[in-house]
N, C-alpha and C. Protein backbone atom coordinates (compact mmCIF):
# COMPACT_ATOMS: atom_id res chain seq x y z
N MET A 1 -50.13 -162.10 45.62
CA MET A 1 -51.41 -161.90 44.63
C MET A 1 -50.78 -161.28 43.54
N ARG A 2 -49.92 -160.58 43.47
CA ARG A 2 -48.96 -159.82 42.38
C ARG A 2 -48.70 -161.12 41.15
N ASN A 3 -48.13 -161.85 41.75
CA ASN A 3 -47.30 -163.09 40.99
C ASN A 3 -48.63 -163.73 40.42
N LYS A 4 -49.42 -164.18 40.89
CA LYS A 4 -50.69 -164.89 40.17
C LYS A 4 -51.42 -163.82 39.34
N LEU A 5 -51.40 -162.49 39.49
CA LEU A 5 -52.17 -161.78 38.81
C LEU A 5 -51.32 -161.63 37.50
N GLU A 6 -50.05 -161.47 37.47
CA GLU A 6 -48.91 -161.49 36.22
C GLU A 6 -49.04 -162.48 35.56
N LYS A 7 -49.31 -163.75 35.98
CA LYS A 7 -49.59 -164.93 35.12
C LYS A 7 -50.75 -164.97 34.56
N LEU A 8 -51.83 -164.49 35.03
CA LEU A 8 -53.23 -164.45 34.54
C LEU A 8 -53.32 -163.31 33.43
N LEU A 9 -52.46 -162.40 33.48
CA LEU A 9 -52.47 -161.51 32.54
C LEU A 9 -52.20 -161.90 31.13
N LYS A 10 -51.49 -162.90 31.01
CA LYS A 10 -50.98 -163.68 30.01
C LYS A 10 -52.22 -164.12 29.32
N ASN A 11 -53.27 -164.66 29.85
CA ASN A 11 -54.62 -165.22 29.33
C ASN A 11 -55.49 -164.19 28.72
N SER A 12 -55.23 -162.97 28.92
CA SER A 12 -55.94 -161.66 28.31
C SER A 12 -56.05 -161.76 26.85
N TYR A 13 -57.15 -161.34 26.27
CA TYR A 13 -57.30 -161.40 24.88
C TYR A 13 -57.57 -160.06 24.55
N CYS A 14 -56.58 -159.28 24.07
CA CYS A 14 -56.74 -158.01 23.99
C CYS A 14 -56.06 -157.50 22.67
N LYS A 15 -56.36 -158.34 21.47
CA LYS A 15 -55.59 -157.94 20.51
C LYS A 15 -55.85 -156.53 19.74
N TYR A 16 -56.94 -155.92 20.22
CA TYR A 16 -57.33 -154.84 19.50
C TYR A 16 -56.75 -153.33 20.27
N SER A 17 -56.85 -153.63 21.68
CA SER A 17 -56.22 -152.30 22.47
C SER A 17 -54.98 -152.73 23.21
N GLY A 18 -54.57 -153.79 23.02
CA GLY A 18 -53.16 -154.32 23.65
C GLY A 18 -53.07 -154.01 25.07
N TYR A 19 -54.36 -153.91 25.96
CA TYR A 19 -54.48 -153.27 27.30
C TYR A 19 -55.00 -154.58 28.04
N ALA A 20 -54.22 -155.25 28.65
CA ALA A 20 -54.42 -156.64 29.18
C ALA A 20 -54.53 -156.39 30.70
N VAL A 21 -55.83 -156.70 31.03
CA VAL A 21 -56.26 -156.59 32.56
C VAL A 21 -56.43 -158.03 33.16
N ALA A 22 -56.17 -158.05 34.40
CA ALA A 22 -56.58 -159.37 35.10
C ALA A 22 -57.32 -159.24 36.34
N CYS A 23 -58.04 -160.11 36.86
CA CYS A 23 -58.81 -159.83 38.08
C CYS A 23 -58.81 -161.08 38.92
N ILE A 24 -58.74 -161.17 40.13
CA ILE A 24 -59.10 -162.05 40.94
C ILE A 24 -59.86 -161.47 42.22
N CYS A 25 -61.04 -162.43 42.22
CA CYS A 25 -61.99 -161.94 43.40
C CYS A 25 -61.67 -162.94 44.59
N VAL A 26 -61.35 -162.57 45.50
CA VAL A 26 -61.25 -163.55 46.72
C VAL A 26 -62.37 -163.57 47.44
N MET A 27 -63.03 -164.81 47.56
CA MET A 27 -64.35 -164.96 48.16
C MET A 27 -64.08 -165.14 49.79
N GLN A 28 -65.25 -165.17 50.79
CA GLN A 28 -65.17 -165.18 52.02
C GLN A 28 -64.53 -166.28 52.45
N ASP A 29 -64.92 -167.57 51.71
CA ASP A 29 -64.44 -168.96 51.93
C ASP A 29 -62.91 -169.21 51.34
N GLY A 30 -62.16 -167.98 51.15
CA GLY A 30 -60.73 -168.16 50.50
C GLY A 30 -60.64 -168.54 49.24
N LYS A 31 -61.65 -169.04 48.48
CA LYS A 31 -61.39 -169.31 47.06
C LYS A 31 -61.55 -168.14 46.13
N GLU A 32 -60.37 -168.55 45.16
CA GLU A 32 -59.95 -167.16 44.30
C GLU A 32 -60.67 -167.40 43.03
N ILE A 33 -61.32 -166.57 42.23
CA ILE A 33 -62.23 -166.72 41.13
C ILE A 33 -61.36 -165.66 40.20
N CYS A 34 -60.88 -166.03 39.14
CA CYS A 34 -60.04 -165.32 38.17
C CYS A 34 -60.81 -164.96 36.80
N GLY A 35 -60.62 -163.93 36.46
CA GLY A 35 -61.24 -163.39 35.30
C GLY A 35 -59.84 -162.38 34.30
N VAL A 36 -60.05 -162.51 33.01
CA VAL A 36 -59.42 -161.38 32.11
C VAL A 36 -60.20 -160.69 31.21
N ASN A 37 -59.85 -159.77 30.84
CA ASN A 37 -60.52 -158.86 29.67
C ASN A 37 -60.28 -159.78 28.39
N VAL A 38 -61.79 -159.85 27.81
CA VAL A 38 -61.65 -160.53 26.51
C VAL A 38 -62.39 -159.77 25.54
N GLU A 39 -61.61 -159.02 24.46
CA GLU A 39 -61.86 -158.00 23.55
C GLU A 39 -62.87 -159.03 22.33
N ASN A 40 -63.41 -157.93 21.48
CA ASN A 40 -64.08 -158.59 20.39
C ASN A 40 -64.15 -157.34 19.18
N ALA A 41 -64.01 -157.84 18.05
CA ALA A 41 -63.97 -156.85 17.13
C ALA A 41 -65.37 -155.98 16.98
N SER A 42 -66.38 -156.59 17.79
CA SER A 42 -67.38 -155.66 18.08
C SER A 42 -67.28 -155.10 19.68
N PHE A 43 -66.63 -154.00 19.42
CA PHE A 43 -66.15 -153.41 20.88
C PHE A 43 -67.18 -153.57 22.12
N GLY A 44 -68.54 -153.44 21.69
CA GLY A 44 -69.27 -153.76 22.69
C GLY A 44 -69.65 -154.98 23.12
N ALA A 45 -69.06 -155.96 22.82
CA ALA A 45 -69.16 -157.26 22.95
C ALA A 45 -68.01 -157.68 23.62
N THR A 46 -67.06 -156.80 24.14
CA THR A 46 -65.96 -157.13 24.88
C THR A 46 -66.52 -157.02 26.20
N ILE A 47 -65.71 -157.89 27.06
CA ILE A 47 -66.06 -157.99 28.57
C ILE A 47 -64.62 -157.71 29.42
N CYS A 48 -64.85 -156.91 30.32
CA CYS A 48 -63.82 -156.77 31.23
C CYS A 48 -63.43 -157.71 32.25
N ALA A 49 -62.34 -157.72 32.58
CA ALA A 49 -61.83 -158.76 33.56
C ALA A 49 -62.62 -158.70 34.72
N GLU A 50 -62.83 -157.75 35.50
CA GLU A 50 -63.66 -157.74 36.60
C GLU A 50 -64.88 -158.14 36.69
N ARG A 51 -65.83 -158.02 35.27
CA ARG A 51 -67.25 -158.27 35.03
C ARG A 51 -66.92 -159.81 34.88
N ASN A 52 -65.73 -160.17 34.13
CA ASN A 52 -65.61 -161.59 33.93
C ASN A 52 -65.45 -162.45 35.26
N ALA A 53 -64.79 -162.06 36.11
CA ALA A 53 -64.37 -162.67 37.18
C ALA A 53 -65.50 -162.78 38.31
N ILE A 54 -66.38 -161.60 38.26
CA ILE A 54 -67.54 -161.30 39.28
C ILE A 54 -68.68 -162.42 38.80
N THR A 55 -68.90 -162.17 37.43
CA THR A 55 -69.96 -163.48 37.07
C THR A 55 -69.79 -164.57 37.04
N THR A 56 -68.39 -165.07 36.96
CA THR A 56 -67.91 -166.16 37.12
C THR A 56 -68.34 -166.76 38.67
N ALA A 57 -67.95 -165.91 39.43
CA ALA A 57 -68.12 -166.23 40.70
C ALA A 57 -69.79 -166.63 40.91
N ILE A 58 -70.61 -165.95 40.39
CA ILE A 58 -71.97 -165.70 40.57
C ILE A 58 -72.53 -167.31 40.02
N SER A 59 -71.90 -167.52 38.93
CA SER A 59 -72.22 -168.90 38.14
C SER A 59 -72.02 -169.85 39.17
N TYR A 60 -70.89 -169.72 39.88
CA TYR A 60 -70.70 -170.84 41.02
C TYR A 60 -71.42 -170.81 42.03
N GLY A 61 -72.28 -170.13 42.03
CA GLY A 61 -73.37 -169.96 43.20
C GLY A 61 -72.86 -168.88 44.26
N TYR A 62 -71.94 -168.07 44.33
CA TYR A 62 -71.70 -167.20 45.26
C TYR A 62 -72.76 -165.98 44.95
N LYS A 63 -72.84 -165.27 46.36
CA LYS A 63 -73.75 -164.34 46.26
C LYS A 63 -73.39 -162.73 46.65
N LYS A 64 -74.02 -161.87 46.80
CA LYS A 64 -73.75 -160.57 47.51
C LYS A 64 -73.24 -160.68 48.86
N GLY A 65 -72.26 -160.21 49.09
CA GLY A 65 -71.75 -160.26 50.58
C GLY A 65 -70.33 -161.46 50.53
N ASP A 66 -70.45 -162.26 49.60
CA ASP A 66 -69.64 -163.46 49.42
C ASP A 66 -67.89 -163.21 48.89
N PHE A 67 -68.12 -161.84 48.80
CA PHE A 67 -66.94 -161.42 48.19
C PHE A 67 -65.89 -160.55 49.19
N LYS A 68 -64.62 -161.12 49.38
CA LYS A 68 -63.86 -160.51 50.46
C LYS A 68 -62.96 -159.30 50.10
N GLU A 69 -62.29 -159.51 48.83
CA GLU A 69 -61.77 -158.56 47.97
C GLU A 69 -61.77 -158.70 46.65
N ILE A 70 -61.09 -157.76 45.97
CA ILE A 70 -60.89 -157.77 44.57
C ILE A 70 -59.63 -157.10 44.16
N HIS A 71 -58.93 -158.05 43.45
CA HIS A 71 -57.74 -157.53 42.89
C HIS A 71 -57.43 -157.46 41.69
N ILE A 72 -57.17 -156.17 40.86
CA ILE A 72 -57.22 -156.05 39.32
C ILE A 72 -55.66 -155.34 38.86
N MET A 73 -55.18 -156.17 38.12
CA MET A 73 -54.06 -155.80 37.50
C MET A 73 -54.02 -155.11 36.09
N VAL A 74 -53.39 -154.23 35.66
CA VAL A 74 -53.23 -153.84 34.28
C VAL A 74 -51.64 -153.94 33.90
N ASP A 75 -51.68 -154.42 32.59
CA ASP A 75 -50.30 -154.43 32.01
C ASP A 75 -49.76 -153.06 31.50
N SER A 76 -49.49 -152.23 32.29
CA SER A 76 -48.92 -150.70 32.28
C SER A 76 -48.41 -150.19 33.24
N ASP A 77 -47.47 -149.08 33.23
CA ASP A 77 -47.03 -148.54 34.25
C ASP A 77 -47.68 -147.71 35.07
N LYS A 78 -48.94 -147.44 34.40
CA LYS A 78 -49.90 -146.61 35.34
C LYS A 78 -50.97 -147.39 35.93
N ILE A 79 -51.29 -147.27 36.95
CA ILE A 79 -52.41 -147.87 37.65
C ILE A 79 -53.54 -147.50 36.97
N GLY A 80 -54.69 -148.45 36.64
CA GLY A 80 -55.70 -148.39 35.87
C GLY A 80 -56.93 -148.53 37.09
N THR A 81 -58.05 -147.97 36.77
CA THR A 81 -59.24 -148.16 37.57
C THR A 81 -60.46 -148.87 36.74
N PRO A 82 -61.33 -149.61 37.39
CA PRO A 82 -62.36 -150.14 36.85
C PRO A 82 -63.23 -149.04 35.90
N CYS A 83 -63.63 -149.60 34.66
CA CYS A 83 -64.54 -148.64 34.45
C CYS A 83 -66.09 -148.65 34.86
N PHE A 84 -66.76 -147.66 34.32
CA PHE A 84 -68.11 -147.15 35.07
C PHE A 84 -68.86 -148.62 34.99
N MET A 85 -68.92 -149.51 34.01
CA MET A 85 -69.85 -150.43 33.89
C MET A 85 -69.33 -151.70 34.97
N CYS A 86 -68.07 -151.55 35.04
CA CYS A 86 -67.59 -152.56 36.03
C CYS A 86 -67.99 -152.25 37.52
N ARG A 87 -67.49 -150.74 37.86
CA ARG A 87 -67.98 -150.35 38.96
C ARG A 87 -69.51 -150.55 39.49
N GLN A 88 -70.48 -150.31 38.32
CA GLN A 88 -71.83 -150.83 38.58
C GLN A 88 -72.08 -152.18 39.00
N VAL A 89 -71.08 -152.99 38.69
CA VAL A 89 -71.51 -154.57 38.74
C VAL A 89 -70.92 -154.88 40.11
N ILE A 90 -69.60 -153.95 40.38
CA ILE A 90 -68.90 -154.05 41.54
C ILE A 90 -69.82 -153.78 42.71
N THR A 91 -70.48 -152.79 42.78
CA THR A 91 -71.55 -152.12 43.74
C THR A 91 -72.61 -153.00 43.92
N GLU A 92 -73.23 -153.72 42.81
CA GLU A 92 -74.17 -154.69 42.90
C GLU A 92 -73.91 -156.01 43.82
N PHE A 93 -72.58 -156.39 43.94
CA PHE A 93 -72.22 -157.70 44.44
C PHE A 93 -71.33 -157.60 45.65
N MET A 94 -70.95 -156.43 45.81
CA MET A 94 -69.74 -156.12 46.86
C MET A 94 -70.06 -155.20 48.08
N ASN A 95 -69.66 -155.23 49.29
CA ASN A 95 -70.31 -154.33 50.12
C ASN A 95 -69.57 -152.96 50.01
N LYS A 96 -70.07 -152.07 50.44
CA LYS A 96 -69.23 -150.73 50.50
C LYS A 96 -67.85 -150.77 50.98
N GLU A 97 -67.60 -151.55 52.18
CA GLU A 97 -66.28 -151.54 52.62
C GLU A 97 -65.16 -152.83 51.97
N THR A 98 -65.68 -153.48 51.20
CA THR A 98 -64.77 -154.41 50.30
C THR A 98 -63.61 -153.75 49.74
N PRO A 99 -62.50 -154.04 50.10
CA PRO A 99 -61.15 -153.62 49.60
C PRO A 99 -60.78 -153.79 47.93
N VAL A 100 -60.43 -153.08 47.27
CA VAL A 100 -60.30 -152.99 45.70
C VAL A 100 -58.85 -152.71 45.74
N TYR A 101 -57.94 -153.92 45.17
CA TYR A 101 -56.47 -153.63 45.05
C TYR A 101 -56.30 -153.32 43.72
N LEU A 102 -55.52 -152.38 43.62
CA LEU A 102 -55.49 -151.79 41.90
C LEU A 102 -53.83 -152.10 41.80
N TYR A 103 -53.26 -152.65 40.66
CA TYR A 103 -51.78 -152.89 40.50
C TYR A 103 -51.51 -152.53 38.92
N SER A 104 -50.28 -151.79 39.28
CA SER A 104 -49.70 -151.50 37.71
C SER A 104 -48.78 -152.63 37.63
N ARG A 105 -47.71 -152.42 36.76
CA ARG A 105 -46.48 -153.51 36.64
C ARG A 105 -45.61 -153.06 37.84
N ASN A 106 -45.58 -151.98 38.14
CA ASN A 106 -44.50 -151.62 39.49
C ASN A 106 -45.09 -151.05 40.63
N ASP A 107 -46.41 -150.70 40.66
CA ASP A 107 -47.09 -150.08 42.02
C ASP A 107 -48.11 -150.74 42.28
N ASN A 108 -49.05 -150.17 43.21
CA ASN A 108 -50.46 -150.81 43.82
C ASN A 108 -50.92 -149.78 44.78
N GLU A 109 -52.20 -149.67 44.70
CA GLU A 109 -53.16 -148.85 45.35
C GLU A 109 -54.17 -149.62 46.19
N MET A 110 -54.68 -148.93 47.33
CA MET A 110 -56.06 -150.06 47.72
C MET A 110 -56.87 -148.76 47.84
N TYR A 111 -58.26 -149.12 47.45
CA TYR A 111 -59.44 -148.43 47.84
C TYR A 111 -60.72 -149.37 48.57
N HIS A 112 -61.60 -148.72 48.86
CA HIS A 112 -62.73 -149.45 49.00
C HIS A 112 -63.61 -149.12 48.47
N VAL A 113 -64.69 -150.11 48.11
CA VAL A 113 -65.85 -149.84 47.16
C VAL A 113 -66.30 -148.51 47.14
N ASN A 114 -66.77 -148.07 48.56
CA ASN A 114 -67.32 -146.60 48.64
C ASN A 114 -66.61 -145.49 47.93
N GLU A 115 -65.38 -145.85 48.16
CA GLU A 115 -64.30 -144.62 47.61
C GLU A 115 -64.41 -144.66 46.04
N LEU A 116 -64.41 -145.77 45.40
CA LEU A 116 -64.60 -145.85 43.89
C LEU A 116 -66.22 -145.49 43.46
N CYS A 117 -66.73 -145.81 44.06
CA CYS A 117 -68.17 -145.65 43.84
C CYS A 117 -69.23 -145.00 44.89
N PRO A 118 -68.76 -143.73 44.98
CA PRO A 118 -69.39 -142.94 46.06
C PRO A 118 -70.86 -142.82 45.95
N TYR A 119 -71.37 -142.61 45.11
CA TYR A 119 -72.71 -142.42 44.33
C TYR A 119 -73.44 -143.81 43.68
N PRO A 120 -73.38 -144.86 44.29
CA PRO A 120 -73.97 -146.13 43.60
C PRO A 120 -75.40 -146.10 43.16
N PHE A 121 -75.74 -146.55 41.99
CA PHE A 121 -76.97 -146.80 41.80
C PHE A 121 -77.43 -148.24 42.24
N ASP A 122 -78.40 -148.35 43.08
CA ASP A 122 -78.55 -149.65 43.79
C ASP A 122 -80.03 -149.81 44.01
N GLU A 123 -80.38 -150.77 44.72
CA GLU A 123 -81.90 -151.08 44.72
C GLU A 123 -82.75 -149.93 45.50
N ASP A 124 -81.72 -149.27 46.33
CA ASP A 124 -82.49 -147.90 46.76
C ASP A 124 -83.27 -146.79 45.77
N ASN A 125 -82.34 -146.83 44.76
CA ASN A 125 -82.97 -146.05 43.57
C ASN A 125 -83.97 -146.69 42.70
N LEU A 126 -84.27 -147.76 43.00
CA LEU A 126 -85.65 -148.10 42.22
C LEU A 126 -86.96 -148.04 42.89
């Protein structure tokens, strides 16, 4: 997966921050859905790699529970974690036990969704 993420990082559009991020969602059926961060001069219009990949999967017809795992790589020596907007979207579409693999240039770590998002805002809060 590391090699795929490294290649995908090259597609990131991060001319403002220089912080490239790539994401691959592996679906239960084995399909891999990719996303990269796409920045914008209007920073609020920027989309993160995680939300890019997840919303692409949804547009292909996948639903909550169809996500087997998610892999996220940052072009940095330090591992990065998803922002809180991405964590909210992750909790919307992934099960609490879904593995979240985080990569830097030289390292990797694995968490489960419930570890990154221990107190999710979900349908039970509405």
